[in-house]
C-alpha atoms as a PDB file:
ATOM      1  CA  UNK A   1      84.449 139.102  99.181  1.00  0.00           C
ATOM      2  CA  UNK A   2      84.581 137.712  95.610  1.00  0.00           C
ATOM      3  CA  UNK A   3      83.019 134.425  94.961  1.00  0.00           C
ATOM      4  CA  UNK A   4      84.127 132.307  91.990  1.00  0.00           C
ATOM      5  CA  UNK A   5      82.368 129.476  90.342  1.00  0.00           C
ATOM      6  CA  UNK A   6      83.734 126.196  88.930  1.00  0.00           C
ATOM      7  CA  UNK A   7      82.581 123.120  87.293  1.00  0.00           C
ATOM      8  CA  UNK A   8      84.323 119.747  87.235  1.00  0.00           C
ATOM      9  CA  UNK A   9      85.312 117.981  84.090  1.00  0.00           C
ATOM     10  CA  UNK A  10      85.779 114.305  84.652  1.00  0.00           C
ATOM     11  CA  UNK A  11      84.461 112.548  81.482  1.00  0.00           C
ATOM     12  CA  UNK A  12      86.619 110.168  79.685  1.00  0.00           C
ATOM     13  CA  UNK A  13      86.242 112.046  76.390  1.00  0.00           C
ATOM     14  CA  UNK A  14      87.487 115.328  77.836  1.00  0.00           C
ATOM     15  CA  UNK A  15      91.204 115.783  77.669  1.00  0.00           C
ATOM     16  CA  UNK A  16      91.034 118.248  80.696  1.00  0.00           C
ATOM     17  CA  UNK A  17      90.291 116.430  83.904  1.00  0.00           C
ATOM     18  CA  UNK A  18      89.634 118.701  86.784  1.00  0.00           C
ATOM     19  CA  UNK A  19      88.164 122.068  87.957  1.00  0.00           C
ATOM     20  CA  UNK A  20      87.313 124.913  85.412  1.00  0.00           C
ATOM     21  CA  UNK A  21      86.563 128.440  86.564  1.00  0.00           C
ATOM     22  CA  UNK A  22      83.462 129.627  84.914  1.00  0.00           C
ATOM     23  CA  UNK A  23      80.609 132.240  85.175  1.00  0.00           C
ATOM     24  CA  UNK A  24      77.710 131.489  87.247  1.00  0.00           C
ATOM     25  CA  UNK A  25      75.069 130.290  84.796  1.00  0.00           C
ATOM     26  CA  UNK A  26      71.692 131.785  84.677  1.00  0.00           C
ATOM     27  CA  UNK A  27      69.132 129.911  86.967  1.00  0.00           C
ATOM     28  CA  UNK A  28      67.206 128.583  84.029  1.00  0.00           C
ATOM     29  CA  UNK A  29      70.551 127.196  82.382  1.00  0.00           C
ATOM     30  CA  UNK A  30      70.811 123.349  82.580  1.00  0.00           C
ATOM     31  CA  UNK A  31      74.262 123.747  84.004  1.00  0.00           C
ATOM     32  CA  UNK A  32      73.208 125.944  86.932  1.00  0.00           C
ATOM     33  CA  UNK A  33      73.153 123.123  89.348  1.00  0.00           C
ATOM     34  CA  UNK A  34      76.781 122.109  88.481  1.00  0.00           C
ATOM     35  CA  UNK A  35      78.299 125.448  89.478  1.00  0.00           C
ATOM     36  CA  UNK A  36      80.025 125.276  92.717  1.00  0.00           C
ATOM     37  CA  UNK A  37      81.275 128.302  94.744  1.00  0.00           C
ATOM     38  CA  UNK A  38      84.687 128.863  96.243  1.00  0.00           C
ATOM     39  CA  UNK A  39      86.607 131.865  97.464  1.00  0.00           C
ATOM     40  CA  UNK A  40      90.171 132.289  96.408  1.00  0.00           C
ATOM     41  CA  UNK A  41      93.041 133.871  98.299  1.00  0.00           C
ATOM     42  CA  UNK A  42      93.301 137.660  98.037  1.00  0.00           C
ATOM     43  CA  UNK A  43      96.717 138.878  99.222  1.00  0.00           C
ATOM     44  CA  UNK A  44      97.100 142.589 100.006  1.00  0.00           C
ATOM     45  CA  UNK A  45      99.977 144.123  98.092  1.00  0.00           C
ATOM     46  CA  UNK A  46     102.769 146.070  99.919  1.00  0.00           C
ATOM     47  CA  UNK A  47     101.235 149.400  98.907  1.00  0.00           C
ATOM     48  CA  UNK A  48      98.088 148.533 100.956  1.00  0.00           C
ATOM     49  CA  UNK A  49      95.992 149.831  98.244  1.00  0.00           C
ATOM     50  CA  UNK A  50      95.640 146.868  95.898  1.00  0.00           C
ATOM     51  CA  UNK A  51      95.797 143.143  95.973  1.00  0.00           C
ATOM     52  CA  UNK A  52      96.822 139.964  94.182  1.00  0.00           C
ATOM     53  CA  UNK A  53      94.421 137.200  93.336  1.00  0.00           C
ATOM     54  CA  UNK A  54      96.004 133.836  94.013  1.00  0.00           C
ATOM     55  CA  UNK A  55      94.335 130.943  92.109  1.00  0.00           C
ATOM     56  CA  UNK A  56      94.849 127.618  93.763  1.00  0.00           C
ATOM     57  CA  UNK A  57      96.304 124.558  92.293  1.00  0.00           C
ATOM     58  CA  UNK A  58      93.234 122.583  93.500  1.00  0.00           C
ATOM     59  CA  UNK A  59      89.574 123.496  94.234  1.00  0.00           C
ATOM     60  CA  UNK A  60      87.904 121.056  96.516  1.00  0.00           C
ATOM     61  CA  UNK A  61      90.444 118.389  95.733  1.00  0.00           C
ATOM     62  CA  UNK A  62      90.249 118.814  91.971  1.00  0.00           C
ATOM     63  CA  UNK A  63      93.211 120.384  89.982  1.00  0.00           C
ATOM     64  CA  UNK A  64      92.451 123.780  88.550  1.00  0.00           C
ATOM     65  CA  UNK A  65      92.986 123.058  84.828  1.00  0.00           C
ATOM     66  CA  UNK A  66      91.199 125.767  82.925  1.00  0.00           C
ATOM     67  CA  UNK A  67      89.924 129.341  83.050  1.00  0.00           C
ATOM     68  CA  UNK A  68      86.878 130.059  80.962  1.00  0.00           C
ATOM     69  CA  UNK A  69      85.372 133.486  80.188  1.00  0.00           C
ATOM     70  CA  UNK A  70      84.561 133.787  83.893  1.00  0.00           C
ATOM     71  CA  UNK A  71      83.450 136.631  86.230  1.00  0.00           C
ATOM     72  CA  UNK A  72      83.366 136.607  90.035  1.00  0.00           C
ATOM     73  CA  UNK A  73      80.219 137.503  91.932  1.00  0.00           C
ATOM     74  CA  UNK A  74      80.600 140.074  94.752  1.00  0.00           C
ATOM     75  CA  UNK A  75      78.786 139.585  98.019  1.00  0.00           C
ATOM     76  CA  UNK A  76      78.145 143.272  98.434  1.00  0.00           C
ATOM     77  CA  UNK A  77      79.632 143.374 101.997  1.00  0.00           C
ATOM     78  CA  UNK A  78      83.066 144.306 101.062  1.00  0.00           C
ATOM     79  CA  UNK A  79      85.188 147.273  99.879  1.00  0.00           C
ATOM     80  CA  UNK A  80      87.515 144.941  97.942  1.00  0.00           C
ATOM     81  CA  UNK A  81      90.864 146.429  96.918  1.00  0.00           C
ATOM     82  CA  UNK A  82      91.498 146.494  93.200  1.00  0.00           C
ATOM     83  CA  UNK A  83      93.214 143.384  91.776  1.00  0.00           C
ATOM     84  CA  UNK A  84      96.528 144.390  90.254  1.00  0.00           C
ATOM     85  CA  UNK A  85      98.224 140.990  90.188  1.00  0.00           C
ATOM     86  CA  UNK A  86      97.115 137.449  89.507  1.00  0.00           C
ATOM     87  CA  UNK A  87      98.986 134.289  90.285  1.00  0.00           C
ATOM     88  CA  UNK A  88      98.269 131.245  87.970  1.00  0.00           C
ATOM     89  CA  UNK A  89      98.970 127.681  89.260  1.00  0.00           C
ATOM     90  CA  UNK A  90     101.160 124.933  87.809  1.00  0.00           C
ATOM     91  CA  UNK A  91      98.059 122.917  87.106  1.00  0.00           C
ATOM     92  CA  UNK A  92      96.557 125.395  84.616  1.00  0.00           C
ATOM     93  CA  UNK A  93      96.344 123.990  81.026  1.00  0.00           C
ATOM     94  CA  UNK A  94      93.967 126.222  79.189  1.00  0.00           C
ATOM     95  CA  UNK A  95      92.839 129.888  79.306  1.00  0.00           C
ATOM     96  CA  UNK A  96      89.959 131.342  77.431  1.00  0.00           C
ATOM     97  CA  UNK A  97      90.847 134.509  75.519  1.00  0.00           C
ATOM     98  CA  UNK A  98      88.230 136.586  77.443  1.00  0.00           C
ATOM     99  CA  UNK A  99      89.162 135.203  80.871  1.00  0.00           C
ATOM    100  CA  UNK A 100      90.746 138.374  82.185  1.00  0.00           C
ATOM    101  CA  UNK A 101      88.554 141.024  80.624  1.00  0.00           C
ATOM    102  CA  UNK A 102      86.995 141.938  83.938  1.00  0.00           C
ATOM    103  CA  UNK A 103      90.475 142.695  85.532  1.00  0.00           C
ATOM    104  CA  UNK A 104      90.745 146.339  84.162  1.00  0.00           C
ATOM    105  CA  UNK A 105      93.350 147.300  86.698  1.00  0.00           C
ATOM    106  CA  UNK A 106      95.591 144.190  86.299  1.00  0.00           C
ATOM    107  CA  UNK A 107      99.249 145.235  86.027  1.00  0.00           C
ATOM    108  CA  UNK A 108     100.981 141.894  86.234  1.00  0.00           C
ATOM    109  CA  UNK A 109     100.662 138.121  85.838  1.00  0.00           C
ATOM    110  CA  UNK A 110     102.633 135.647  87.920  1.00  0.00           C
ATOM    111  CA  UNK A 111     102.887 131.939  86.872  1.00  0.00           C
ATOM    112  CA  UNK A 112     104.155 129.024  88.974  1.00  0.00           C
ATOM    113  CA  UNK A 113     107.510 128.080  87.578  1.00  0.00           C
ATOM    114  CA  UNK A 114     106.439 124.470  87.310  1.00  0.00           C
ATOM    115  CA  UNK A 115     103.634 125.278  84.787  1.00  0.00           C
ATOM    116  CA  UNK A 116     104.487 123.544  81.540  1.00  0.00           C
ATOM    117  CA  UNK A 117     102.084 125.627  79.441  1.00  0.00           C
ATOM    118  CA  UNK A 118     102.393 129.208  80.518  1.00  0.00           C
ATOM    119  CA  UNK A 119     104.877 131.745  81.802  1.00  0.00           C
ATOM    120  CA  UNK A 120     105.174 135.299  82.783  1.00  0.00           C
ATOM    121  CA  UNK A 121     107.978 137.674  81.774  1.00  0.00           C
ATOM    122  CA  UNK A 122     107.881 141.229  83.126  1.00  0.00           C
ATOM    123  CA  UNK A 123     104.170 140.698  84.053  1.00  0.00           C
ATOM    124  CA  UNK A 124     103.215 139.692  80.634  1.00  0.00           C
ATOM    125  CA  UNK A 125     101.569 136.268  79.921  1.00  0.00           C
ATOM    126  CA  UNK A 126     102.972 134.007  77.301  1.00  0.00           C
ATOM    127  CA  UNK A 127     102.792 130.405  76.032  1.00  0.00           C
ATOM    128  CA  UNK A 128     105.835 128.647  77.334  1.00  0.00           C
ATOM    129  CA  UNK A 129     106.504 126.485  74.184  1.00  0.00           C
ATOM    130  CA  UNK A 130     106.811 129.207  71.699  1.00  0.00           C
ATOM    131  CA  UNK A 131     106.857 132.397  73.708  1.00  0.00           C
ATOM    132  CA  UNK A 132     103.787 133.632  71.894  1.00  0.00           C
ATOM    133  CA  UNK A 133     101.939 136.531  73.580  1.00  0.00           C
ATOM    134  CA  UNK A 134      98.652 135.623  75.347  1.00  0.00           C
ATOM    135  CA  UNK A 135      97.804 138.752  77.271  1.00  0.00           C
ATOM    136  CA  UNK A 136      99.388 142.103  78.191  1.00  0.00           C
ATOM    137  CA  UNK A 137      97.516 143.222  81.417  1.00  0.00           C
ATOM    138  CA  UNK A 138      95.314 146.217  80.835  1.00  0.00           C
ATOM    139  CA  UNK A 139      97.154 148.197  83.534  1.00  0.00           C
ATOM    140  CA  UNK A 140     100.616 147.134  82.635  1.00  0.00           C
ATOM    141  CA  UNK A 141     103.059 149.985  83.343  1.00  0.00           C
ATOM    142  CA  UNK A 142     106.014 149.363  81.091  1.00  0.00           C
ATOM    143  CA  UNK A 143     107.297 151.787  78.475  1.00  0.00           C
ATOM    144  CA  UNK A 144     107.735 149.558  75.434  1.00  0.00           C
ATOM    145  CA  UNK A 145     106.480 146.038  74.725  1.00  0.00           C
ATOM    146  CA  UNK A 146     108.182 144.164  72.022  1.00  0.00           C
ATOM    147  CA  UNK A 147     106.086 141.193  70.728  1.00  0.00           C
ATOM    148  CA  UNK A 148     107.755 138.525  68.746  1.00  0.00           C
END
């Protein structure tokens, strides 16, 4: 099982109000006590040999608003299927450029249709407003990608 960590942003001077996926800080880090564990849904794909990571709209009642440069922790008791898809919720507003580096077999992004900031087209992740490219998954299987 993969465990993810998040912290909560609720200060008045922070434009993002909600949960932020993050890496587990080192034990001597001042933010260590603020990291909270959760286990997201992993849905087996029809091939039975891979899965899709489904990020929730809320984590413990807080909207999931941002992905930092995060890595999950493995509990060591599972033979996890490779993650080839990821579903991003409508609440997501910000993604760190390195957020998906650990997903080396990722083939496609899915984004909730109601997300006002991001969209996926053909498995590729774009900013909705200007259609600028955010990320092509490392395992994308298309023949040609045309970037505007």
